[in-house]
């Protein structure tokens, strides 16, 4: 197979994973419009430099890593990268739920929005995209141990947040667990 033929397979692979890359870019920057713009710029670079893709590397690991590196590069060029990385978009929660889904857990979304970007991305890559720790580490250019440590920190932070919530009345918990059974017995 000629090198040109091999690299021509990158384009169809990127097209197939566009929805996943779009969600990643959206969560990365915290807004749909900015995520779409970031993804467009990153895709142009990936296609122009597809010769950098190495045989044997999972295409999705390479593509997610390239979007992440493109974002980092843009942050470095920004006058105040820390301020730019904060999520101000009130529609941030919509990034996690499909269109038309009526369920929206505001405290969980607030928790996710308050996470530092690297922790939020680690959570998305491992639990949202199903990447192994090693692949998530390659994408974010850290060690697998760092990925594991981030997940532990996120879990501990979430446990702290949940323990600070006021406990729900017992009747509400039972009704949530067995809604049909309670209606039928009343």
N, C-alpha and C. Protein backbone atom coordinates (compact mmCIF):
# COMPACT_ATOMS: atom_id res chain seq x y z
N UNK A 1 0.85 -1.18 0.00
CA UNK A 1 0.00 0.00 0.00
C UNK A 1 0.89 1.24 0.00
N UNK A 2 0.64 2.17 -0.87
CA UNK A 2 1.39 3.41 -0.94
C UNK A 2 1.07 4.29 0.27
N UNK A 3 2.01 5.11 0.68
CA UNK A 3 1.81 6.00 1.82
C UNK A 3 0.62 6.92 1.59
N UNK A 4 0.45 7.41 0.35
CA UNK A 4 -0.68 8.30 0.06
C UNK A 4 -2.00 7.58 0.27
N UNK A 5 -2.07 6.30 -0.16
CA UNK A 5 -3.30 5.52 0.01
C UNK A 5 -3.59 5.30 1.49
N UNK A 6 -2.56 5.03 2.26
CA UNK A 6 -2.73 4.78 3.69
C UNK A 6 -3.30 6.01 4.38
N UNK A 7 -2.74 7.18 4.10
CA UNK A 7 -3.19 8.39 4.75
C UNK A 7 -4.56 8.84 4.24
N UNK A 8 -4.97 8.40 3.07
CA UNK A 8 -6.30 8.72 2.58
C UNK A 8 -7.39 8.03 3.40
N UNK A 9 -7.02 7.04 4.20
CA UNK A 9 -8.01 6.38 5.04
C UNK A 9 -8.32 7.19 6.29
N UNK A 10 -7.54 8.22 6.57
CA UNK A 10 -7.78 9.06 7.75
C UNK A 10 -9.09 9.82 7.61
N UNK A 11 -9.33 10.39 6.45
CA UNK A 11 -10.53 11.21 6.23
C UNK A 11 -11.83 10.45 6.54
N UNK A 12 -12.05 9.25 5.98
CA UNK A 12 -13.30 8.53 6.30
C UNK A 12 -13.41 8.19 7.80
N UNK A 13 -12.29 7.89 8.42
CA UNK A 13 -12.32 7.59 9.85
C UNK A 13 -12.71 8.80 10.67
N UNK A 14 -12.18 9.96 10.29
CA UNK A 14 -12.55 11.20 11.00
C UNK A 14 -14.02 11.52 10.80
N UNK A 15 -14.50 11.32 9.60
CA UNK A 15 -15.92 11.59 9.32
C UNK A 15 -16.80 10.69 10.18
N UNK A 16 -16.42 9.43 10.33
CA UNK A 16 -17.21 8.49 11.11
C UNK A 16 -17.27 8.87 12.59
N UNK A 17 -16.22 9.51 13.08
CA UNK A 17 -16.21 9.86 14.51
C UNK A 17 -16.54 11.32 14.79
N UNK A 18 -17.07 12.03 13.81
CA UNK A 18 -17.40 13.44 14.00
C UNK A 18 -18.31 13.72 15.20
N UNK A 19 -19.38 12.95 15.41
CA UNK A 19 -20.22 13.24 16.59
C UNK A 19 -19.45 13.13 17.91
N UNK A 20 -18.58 12.15 18.01
CA UNK A 20 -17.79 11.99 19.23
C UNK A 20 -16.81 13.14 19.40
N UNK A 21 -16.14 13.50 18.32
CA UNK A 21 -15.18 14.61 18.37
C UNK A 21 -15.89 15.92 18.68
N UNK A 22 -17.09 16.09 18.15
CA UNK A 22 -17.87 17.32 18.39
C UNK A 22 -18.21 17.44 19.86
N UNK A 23 -18.69 16.36 20.47
CA UNK A 23 -19.02 16.40 21.89
C UNK A 23 -17.78 16.69 22.73
N UNK A 24 -16.66 16.07 22.37
CA UNK A 24 -15.41 16.30 23.08
C UNK A 24 -15.02 17.77 23.00
N UNK A 25 -15.07 18.36 21.81
CA UNK A 25 -14.70 19.77 21.63
C UNK A 25 -15.67 20.67 22.39
N UNK A 26 -16.96 20.35 22.37
CA UNK A 26 -17.95 21.14 23.09
C UNK A 26 -17.67 21.16 24.58
N UNK A 27 -17.42 19.99 25.14
CA UNK A 27 -17.14 19.89 26.58
C UNK A 27 -15.80 20.53 26.90
N UNK A 28 -14.86 20.40 26.00
CA UNK A 28 -13.53 20.99 26.19
C UNK A 28 -13.62 22.49 26.40
N UNK A 29 -14.36 23.17 25.53
CA UNK A 29 -14.45 24.63 25.63
C UNK A 29 -15.66 25.10 26.43
N UNK A 30 -16.63 24.21 26.66
CA UNK A 30 -17.78 24.55 27.49
C UNK A 30 -18.96 25.17 26.76
N UNK A 31 -18.96 25.14 25.45
CA UNK A 31 -20.06 25.71 24.69
C UNK A 31 -20.10 25.09 23.30
N UNK A 32 -21.31 24.94 22.76
CA UNK A 32 -21.46 24.30 21.45
C UNK A 32 -20.83 25.09 20.32
N UNK A 33 -21.11 26.39 20.26
CA UNK A 33 -20.61 27.18 19.13
C UNK A 33 -19.08 27.23 19.12
N UNK A 34 -18.49 27.45 20.28
CA UNK A 34 -17.03 27.49 20.35
C UNK A 34 -16.44 26.11 20.09
N UNK A 35 -17.13 25.06 20.56
CA UNK A 35 -16.66 23.70 20.30
C UNK A 35 -16.67 23.37 18.82
N UNK A 36 -17.72 23.80 18.13
CA UNK A 36 -17.81 23.58 16.69
C UNK A 36 -16.67 24.29 15.96
N UNK A 37 -16.38 25.51 16.38
CA UNK A 37 -15.29 26.26 15.76
C UNK A 37 -13.94 25.59 16.02
N UNK A 38 -13.72 25.18 17.27
CA UNK A 38 -12.47 24.50 17.61
C UNK A 38 -12.32 23.23 16.79
N UNK A 39 -13.38 22.44 16.71
CA UNK A 39 -13.31 21.19 15.95
C UNK A 39 -13.00 21.47 14.48
N UNK A 40 -13.63 22.48 13.90
CA UNK A 40 -13.35 22.81 12.50
C UNK A 40 -11.89 23.15 12.26
N UNK A 41 -11.34 23.97 13.16
CA UNK A 41 -9.93 24.34 13.01
C UNK A 41 -9.02 23.12 13.20
N UNK A 42 -9.34 22.30 14.19
CA UNK A 42 -8.52 21.10 14.45
C UNK A 42 -8.61 20.12 13.28
N UNK A 43 -9.80 19.95 12.71
CA UNK A 43 -9.95 19.03 11.57
C UNK A 43 -9.16 19.51 10.36
N UNK A 44 -9.19 20.81 10.12
CA UNK A 44 -8.40 21.33 8.99
C UNK A 44 -6.92 21.01 9.19
N UNK A 45 -6.44 21.18 10.40
CA UNK A 45 -5.03 20.87 10.69
C UNK A 45 -4.77 19.37 10.55
N UNK A 46 -5.67 18.54 11.07
CA UNK A 46 -5.48 17.09 10.99
C UNK A 46 -5.43 16.62 9.54
N UNK A 47 -6.33 17.15 8.71
CA UNK A 47 -6.35 16.74 7.31
C UNK A 47 -5.13 17.26 6.56
N UNK A 48 -4.70 18.47 6.89
CA UNK A 48 -3.52 19.02 6.22
C UNK A 48 -2.25 18.29 6.64
N UNK A 49 -2.26 17.75 7.87
CA UNK A 49 -1.06 17.09 8.39
C UNK A 49 -1.32 15.62 8.70
N UNK A 50 -2.19 15.00 7.92
CA UNK A 50 -2.53 13.60 8.19
C UNK A 50 -1.34 12.66 8.05
N UNK A 51 -0.28 13.12 7.43
CA UNK A 51 0.93 12.30 7.31
C UNK A 51 1.55 12.05 8.69
N UNK A 52 1.18 12.84 9.70
CA UNK A 52 1.70 12.65 11.05
C UNK A 52 1.04 11.46 11.76
N UNK A 53 -0.10 11.02 11.24
CA UNK A 53 -0.77 9.86 11.83
C UNK A 53 0.09 8.63 11.60
N UNK A 54 0.36 7.89 12.68
CA UNK A 54 1.25 6.73 12.58
C UNK A 54 0.46 5.43 12.58
N UNK A 55 0.83 4.55 11.68
CA UNK A 55 0.21 3.23 11.60
C UNK A 55 0.35 2.54 12.95
N UNK A 56 -0.71 1.88 13.38
CA UNK A 56 -0.70 1.18 14.65
C UNK A 56 -1.32 1.99 15.78
N UNK A 57 -1.46 3.28 15.58
CA UNK A 57 -2.12 4.13 16.57
C UNK A 57 -3.61 4.11 16.28
N UNK A 58 -4.41 3.94 17.31
CA UNK A 58 -5.86 3.98 17.11
C UNK A 58 -6.23 5.37 16.60
N UNK A 59 -7.01 5.42 15.53
CA UNK A 59 -7.35 6.69 14.91
C UNK A 59 -8.10 7.59 15.89
N UNK A 60 -8.99 7.03 16.70
CA UNK A 60 -9.73 7.88 17.62
C UNK A 60 -8.82 8.46 18.70
N UNK A 61 -7.84 7.71 19.17
CA UNK A 61 -6.89 8.23 20.15
C UNK A 61 -6.10 9.38 19.53
N UNK A 62 -5.64 9.20 18.29
CA UNK A 62 -4.90 10.25 17.60
C UNK A 62 -5.77 11.49 17.40
N UNK A 63 -7.00 11.31 16.92
CA UNK A 63 -7.88 12.44 16.61
C UNK A 63 -8.26 13.22 17.88
N UNK A 64 -8.64 12.51 18.95
CA UNK A 64 -8.98 13.19 20.19
C UNK A 64 -7.77 13.95 20.73
N UNK A 65 -6.60 13.33 20.62
CA UNK A 65 -5.37 13.98 21.07
C UNK A 65 -5.06 15.23 20.26
N UNK A 66 -5.31 15.17 18.96
CA UNK A 66 -5.06 16.35 18.11
C UNK A 66 -6.02 17.49 18.46
N UNK A 67 -7.27 17.19 18.72
CA UNK A 67 -8.22 18.25 19.12
C UNK A 67 -7.77 18.86 20.43
N UNK A 68 -7.35 18.02 21.37
CA UNK A 68 -6.88 18.51 22.67
C UNK A 68 -5.63 19.38 22.50
N UNK A 69 -4.68 18.93 21.69
CA UNK A 69 -3.45 19.71 21.48
C UNK A 69 -3.74 21.04 20.78
N UNK A 70 -4.71 21.02 19.87
CA UNK A 70 -5.09 22.25 19.19
C UNK A 70 -5.68 23.25 20.19
N UNK A 71 -6.50 22.76 21.09
CA UNK A 71 -7.09 23.60 22.14
C UNK A 71 -5.99 24.19 23.03
N UNK A 72 -5.04 23.35 23.44
CA UNK A 72 -3.93 23.83 24.28
C UNK A 72 -3.12 24.90 23.56
N UNK A 73 -2.87 24.67 22.28
CA UNK A 73 -2.11 25.65 21.50
C UNK A 73 -2.85 26.99 21.46
N UNK A 74 -4.15 26.95 21.26
CA UNK A 74 -4.93 28.18 21.24
C UNK A 74 -4.95 28.86 22.61
N UNK A 75 -4.99 28.06 23.67
CA UNK A 75 -4.95 28.66 25.01
C UNK A 75 -3.63 29.38 25.25
N UNK A 76 -2.56 28.79 24.81
CA UNK A 76 -1.23 29.41 25.00
C UNK A 76 -1.13 30.74 24.27
N UNK A 77 -1.85 30.86 23.16
CA UNK A 77 -1.83 32.10 22.39
C UNK A 77 -2.78 33.16 22.94
N UNK A 78 -3.60 32.79 23.91
CA UNK A 78 -4.59 33.72 24.46
C UNK A 78 -3.95 34.54 25.58
N UNK A 79 -4.36 35.80 25.70
CA UNK A 79 -3.78 36.70 26.70
C UNK A 79 -4.05 36.22 28.13
N UNK A 80 -5.23 35.64 28.38
CA UNK A 80 -5.59 35.18 29.72
C UNK A 80 -6.17 33.77 29.61
N UNK A 81 -5.32 32.74 29.45
CA UNK A 81 -5.83 31.39 29.20
C UNK A 81 -6.67 30.83 30.33
N UNK A 82 -6.40 31.19 31.57
CA UNK A 82 -7.18 30.66 32.69
C UNK A 82 -8.61 31.18 32.62
N UNK A 83 -8.78 32.46 32.31
CA UNK A 83 -10.12 33.02 32.20
C UNK A 83 -10.86 32.41 31.02
N UNK A 84 -10.15 32.15 29.94
CA UNK A 84 -10.79 31.58 28.76
C UNK A 84 -11.24 30.15 29.02
N UNK A 85 -10.56 29.44 29.87
CA UNK A 85 -10.89 28.03 30.12
C UNK A 85 -12.10 27.87 31.03
N UNK A 86 -12.55 28.93 31.68
CA UNK A 86 -13.71 28.82 32.57
C UNK A 86 -14.98 28.71 31.76
N UNK A 87 -15.95 28.04 32.34
CA UNK A 87 -17.22 27.84 31.66
C UNK A 87 -18.21 28.87 32.16
N UNK A 88 -18.65 29.72 31.27
CA UNK A 88 -19.63 30.74 31.62
C UNK A 88 -20.98 30.46 30.96
N UNK A 89 -20.99 29.54 30.02
CA UNK A 89 -22.18 29.29 29.23
C UNK A 89 -23.26 28.63 30.08
N UNK A 90 -24.41 29.29 30.18
CA UNK A 90 -25.52 28.75 30.97
C UNK A 90 -26.07 27.47 30.35
N UNK A 91 -25.77 27.23 29.09
CA UNK A 91 -26.27 26.02 28.42
C UNK A 91 -25.29 24.86 28.50
N UNK A 92 -24.32 24.95 29.39
CA UNK A 92 -23.32 23.90 29.51
C UNK A 92 -23.96 22.53 29.73
N UNK A 93 -25.01 22.46 30.52
CA UNK A 93 -25.67 21.19 30.81
C UNK A 93 -26.23 20.51 29.58
N UNK A 94 -26.59 21.28 28.57
CA UNK A 94 -27.13 20.71 27.34
C UNK A 94 -26.11 19.85 26.61
N UNK A 95 -24.84 20.06 26.89
CA UNK A 95 -23.80 19.29 26.22
C UNK A 95 -23.82 17.82 26.63
N UNK A 96 -24.43 17.53 27.77
CA UNK A 96 -24.41 16.18 28.30
C UNK A 96 -25.69 15.40 28.03
N UNK A 97 -26.72 16.07 27.53
CA UNK A 97 -28.00 15.41 27.32
C UNK A 97 -28.42 15.50 25.87
N UNK A 98 -28.99 14.42 25.34
CA UNK A 98 -29.46 14.46 23.96
C UNK A 98 -30.62 15.45 23.81
N UNK A 99 -30.80 15.93 22.61
CA UNK A 99 -31.90 16.84 22.33
C UNK A 99 -33.22 16.19 22.72
N UNK A 100 -34.08 16.96 23.36
CA UNK A 100 -35.40 16.46 23.71
C UNK A 100 -35.48 15.64 24.97
N UNK A 101 -34.36 15.32 25.58
CA UNK A 101 -34.37 14.56 26.83
C UNK A 101 -34.81 15.50 27.94
N UNK A 102 -35.88 15.17 28.64
CA UNK A 102 -36.44 16.06 29.65
C UNK A 102 -35.70 16.06 30.96
N UNK A 103 -34.83 15.07 31.21
CA UNK A 103 -34.14 14.98 32.49
C UNK A 103 -32.94 15.89 32.53
N UNK A 104 -32.82 16.65 33.62
CA UNK A 104 -31.71 17.59 33.76
C UNK A 104 -31.40 17.72 35.24
N UNK A 105 -30.25 17.24 35.67
CA UNK A 105 -29.86 17.30 37.08
C UNK A 105 -28.94 18.50 37.27
N UNK A 106 -29.50 19.62 37.66
CA UNK A 106 -28.74 20.87 37.79
C UNK A 106 -27.55 20.75 38.73
N UNK A 107 -27.67 20.10 39.91
CA UNK A 107 -26.49 20.00 40.77
C UNK A 107 -25.34 19.21 40.14
N UNK A 108 -25.66 18.17 39.40
CA UNK A 108 -24.61 17.39 38.74
C UNK A 108 -23.95 18.22 37.65
N UNK A 109 -24.75 18.94 36.88
CA UNK A 109 -24.20 19.79 35.82
C UNK A 109 -23.33 20.88 36.43
N UNK A 110 -23.78 21.47 37.53
CA UNK A 110 -22.97 22.49 38.20
C UNK A 110 -21.65 21.89 38.67
N UNK A 111 -21.71 20.66 39.17
CA UNK A 111 -20.49 19.98 39.61
C UNK A 111 -19.54 19.78 38.44
N UNK A 112 -20.06 19.28 37.32
CA UNK A 112 -19.23 19.03 36.13
C UNK A 112 -18.65 20.34 35.59
N UNK A 113 -19.46 21.38 35.58
CA UNK A 113 -19.00 22.67 35.08
C UNK A 113 -17.92 23.29 35.95
N UNK A 114 -17.94 22.96 37.23
CA UNK A 114 -16.95 23.53 38.16
C UNK A 114 -15.63 22.76 38.15
N UNK A 115 -15.62 21.58 37.55
CA UNK A 115 -14.38 20.81 37.49
C UNK A 115 -13.35 21.52 36.62
N UNK A 116 -12.08 21.40 36.97
CA UNK A 116 -11.05 21.92 36.05
C UNK A 116 -11.15 21.17 34.72
N UNK A 117 -10.80 21.84 33.62
CA UNK A 117 -10.96 21.21 32.30
C UNK A 117 -10.31 19.83 32.19
N UNK A 118 -9.13 19.64 32.75
CA UNK A 118 -8.45 18.35 32.61
C UNK A 118 -9.22 17.24 33.34
N UNK A 119 -9.82 17.55 34.48
CA UNK A 119 -10.62 16.55 35.18
C UNK A 119 -11.90 16.25 34.41
N UNK A 120 -12.54 17.30 33.89
CA UNK A 120 -13.77 17.12 33.11
C UNK A 120 -13.49 16.28 31.88
N UNK A 121 -12.36 16.52 31.21
CA UNK A 121 -12.01 15.75 30.02
C UNK A 121 -11.68 14.31 30.36
N UNK A 122 -10.99 14.11 31.48
CA UNK A 122 -10.68 12.75 31.92
C UNK A 122 -11.96 11.97 32.14
N UNK A 123 -12.92 12.58 32.80
CA UNK A 123 -14.21 11.94 33.07
C UNK A 123 -14.92 11.61 31.76
N UNK A 124 -14.93 12.54 30.84
CA UNK A 124 -15.59 12.32 29.55
C UNK A 124 -14.91 11.21 28.76
N UNK A 125 -13.59 11.23 28.71
CA UNK A 125 -12.86 10.23 27.92
C UNK A 125 -13.03 8.82 28.48
N UNK A 126 -12.94 8.68 29.80
CA UNK A 126 -12.99 7.35 30.40
C UNK A 126 -14.43 6.84 30.50
N UNK A 127 -15.33 7.65 31.03
CA UNK A 127 -16.70 7.17 31.25
C UNK A 127 -17.65 7.51 30.11
N UNK A 128 -17.42 8.63 29.44
CA UNK A 128 -18.30 9.00 28.34
C UNK A 128 -17.94 8.34 27.03
N UNK A 129 -16.64 8.25 26.75
CA UNK A 129 -16.18 7.69 25.48
C UNK A 129 -15.68 6.25 25.62
N UNK A 130 -15.47 5.80 26.84
CA UNK A 130 -15.06 4.42 27.06
C UNK A 130 -13.59 4.12 26.80
N UNK A 131 -12.75 5.14 26.80
CA UNK A 131 -11.32 4.91 26.60
C UNK A 131 -10.72 4.28 27.85
N UNK A 132 -9.76 3.41 27.63
CA UNK A 132 -8.98 2.85 28.74
C UNK A 132 -8.10 3.96 29.31
N UNK A 133 -7.63 3.77 30.52
CA UNK A 133 -6.77 4.78 31.16
C UNK A 133 -5.55 5.10 30.30
N UNK A 134 -4.97 4.09 29.67
CA UNK A 134 -3.77 4.29 28.86
C UNK A 134 -4.07 5.17 27.64
N UNK A 135 -5.22 4.93 26.99
CA UNK A 135 -5.58 5.73 25.83
C UNK A 135 -5.94 7.16 26.22
N UNK A 136 -6.68 7.31 27.31
CA UNK A 136 -7.00 8.66 27.80
C UNK A 136 -5.71 9.40 28.15
N UNK A 137 -4.75 8.69 28.70
CA UNK A 137 -3.46 9.30 29.04
C UNK A 137 -2.73 9.76 27.79
N UNK A 138 -2.77 8.95 26.72
CA UNK A 138 -2.13 9.36 25.46
C UNK A 138 -2.80 10.61 24.89
N UNK A 139 -4.13 10.66 24.95
CA UNK A 139 -4.86 11.80 24.41
C UNK A 139 -4.49 13.07 25.17
N UNK A 140 -4.47 12.99 26.49
CA UNK A 140 -4.21 14.18 27.31
C UNK A 140 -2.73 14.38 27.62
N UNK A 141 -1.88 13.52 27.08
CA UNK A 141 -0.43 13.62 27.22
C UNK A 141 0.00 13.64 28.69
N UNK A 142 -0.53 12.66 29.43
CA UNK A 142 -0.17 12.47 30.84
C UNK A 142 0.04 10.97 31.05
N UNK A 143 0.40 10.59 32.26
CA UNK A 143 0.58 9.16 32.55
C UNK A 143 -0.76 8.52 32.91
N UNK A 144 -0.88 7.20 32.75
CA UNK A 144 -2.11 6.52 33.20
C UNK A 144 -2.36 6.71 34.69
N UNK A 145 -1.30 6.84 35.47
CA UNK A 145 -1.46 7.08 36.90
C UNK A 145 -2.12 8.42 37.17
N UNK A 146 -1.81 9.42 36.34
CA UNK A 146 -2.45 10.73 36.47
C UNK A 146 -3.93 10.62 36.17
N UNK A 147 -4.29 9.83 35.17
CA UNK A 147 -5.71 9.62 34.84
C UNK A 147 -6.41 9.00 36.04
N UNK A 148 -5.82 7.96 36.63
CA UNK A 148 -6.41 7.29 37.79
C UNK A 148 -6.53 8.27 38.96
N UNK A 149 -5.51 9.08 39.19
CA UNK A 149 -5.55 10.04 40.30
C UNK A 149 -6.64 11.09 40.08
N UNK A 150 -6.80 11.54 38.84
CA UNK A 150 -7.86 12.51 38.55
C UNK A 150 -9.23 11.91 38.83
N UNK A 151 -9.43 10.67 38.43
CA UNK A 151 -10.73 10.03 38.67
C UNK A 151 -11.01 9.86 40.16
N UNK A 152 -9.97 9.55 40.92
CA UNK A 152 -10.13 9.44 42.38
C UNK A 152 -10.50 10.80 42.96
N UNK A 153 -9.81 11.86 42.51
CA UNK A 153 -10.13 13.21 42.99
C UNK A 153 -11.56 13.61 42.64
N UNK A 154 -12.00 13.29 41.43
CA UNK A 154 -13.36 13.61 41.01
C UNK A 154 -14.36 12.86 41.89
N UNK A 155 -14.11 11.58 42.12
CA UNK A 155 -15.01 10.78 42.96
C UNK A 155 -15.09 11.33 44.37
N UNK A 156 -13.95 11.69 44.93
CA UNK A 156 -13.93 12.24 46.29
C UNK A 156 -14.66 13.57 46.34
N UNK A 157 -14.46 14.39 45.33
CA UNK A 157 -15.14 15.69 45.28
C UNK A 157 -16.64 15.51 45.14
N UNK A 158 -17.05 14.57 44.30
CA UNK A 158 -18.48 14.30 44.14
C UNK A 158 -19.08 13.76 45.43
N UNK A 159 -18.37 12.87 46.10
CA UNK A 159 -18.87 12.33 47.38
C UNK A 159 -19.03 13.45 48.40
N UNK A 160 -18.06 14.36 48.45
CA UNK A 160 -18.18 15.51 49.36
C UNK A 160 -19.39 16.36 49.01
N UNK A 161 -19.58 16.61 47.72
CA UNK A 161 -20.71 17.43 47.28
C UNK A 161 -22.04 16.76 47.62
N UNK A 162 -22.12 15.44 47.39
CA UNK A 162 -23.37 14.73 47.68
C UNK A 162 -23.65 14.64 49.17
N UNK A 163 -22.61 14.52 49.98
CA UNK A 163 -22.84 14.44 51.42
C UNK A 163 -23.25 15.80 51.97
N UNK A 164 -22.97 16.88 51.25
CA UNK A 164 -23.38 18.21 51.68
C UNK A 164 -24.83 18.51 51.32
N UNK A 165 -25.43 17.71 50.42
CA UNK A 165 -26.84 17.89 50.05
C UNK A 165 -27.74 17.54 51.21
N UNK A 166 -28.84 18.25 51.28
CA UNK A 166 -29.84 17.92 52.30
C UNK A 166 -30.45 16.57 51.94
N UNK A 167 -30.62 15.69 52.93
CA UNK A 167 -31.20 14.38 52.62
C UNK A 167 -32.65 14.52 52.18
N UNK A 168 -33.01 13.70 51.22
CA UNK A 168 -34.39 13.70 50.73
C UNK A 168 -35.29 13.01 51.74
N UNK A 169 -36.52 13.45 51.86
CA UNK A 169 -37.45 12.74 52.76
C UNK A 169 -37.58 11.28 52.34
N UNK A 170 -37.77 10.41 53.31
CA UNK A 170 -37.84 8.97 53.03
C UNK A 170 -38.93 8.64 52.04
N UNK A 171 -40.08 9.30 52.13
CA UNK A 171 -41.19 9.02 51.21
C UNK A 171 -40.79 9.34 49.77
N UNK A 172 -40.04 10.39 49.56
CA UNK A 172 -39.62 10.75 48.21
C UNK A 172 -38.66 9.71 47.65
N UNK A 173 -37.79 9.16 48.50
CA UNK A 173 -36.85 8.13 48.06
C UNK A 173 -37.61 6.88 47.66
N UNK A 174 -38.54 6.45 48.48
CA UNK A 174 -39.32 5.25 48.18
C UNK A 174 -40.15 5.47 46.93
N UNK A 175 -40.76 6.63 46.79
CA UNK A 175 -41.58 6.91 45.62
C UNK A 175 -40.73 6.90 44.35
N UNK A 176 -39.52 7.39 44.45
CA UNK A 176 -38.62 7.37 43.29
C UNK A 176 -38.23 5.95 42.92
N UNK A 177 -38.01 5.10 43.93
CA UNK A 177 -37.60 3.73 43.66
C UNK A 177 -38.74 2.86 43.17
N UNK A 178 -39.94 3.07 43.72
CA UNK A 178 -41.08 2.22 43.40
C UNK A 178 -42.31 3.06 43.05
N UNK A 179 -42.28 3.84 41.98
CA UNK A 179 -43.41 4.71 41.68
C UNK A 179 -44.69 3.94 41.34
N UNK A 180 -44.59 2.81 40.65
CA UNK A 180 -45.79 2.06 40.28
C UNK A 180 -46.42 1.40 41.50
N UNK A 181 -45.60 0.86 42.35
CA UNK A 181 -46.09 0.14 43.52
C UNK A 181 -46.85 1.04 44.48
N UNK A 182 -46.40 2.25 44.65
CA UNK A 182 -47.08 3.17 45.56
C UNK A 182 -48.41 3.63 45.00
N UNK A 183 -48.45 3.88 43.70
CA UNK A 183 -49.72 4.33 43.09
C UNK A 183 -50.77 3.24 43.15
N UNK A 184 -50.32 2.01 42.94
CA UNK A 184 -51.28 0.90 42.94
C UNK A 184 -51.83 0.61 44.32
N UNK A 185 -51.07 0.90 45.38
CA UNK A 185 -51.53 0.58 46.72
C UNK A 185 -52.32 1.70 47.34
N UNK A 186 -52.35 2.87 46.70
CA UNK A 186 -53.10 4.00 47.26
C UNK A 186 -54.53 3.99 46.86
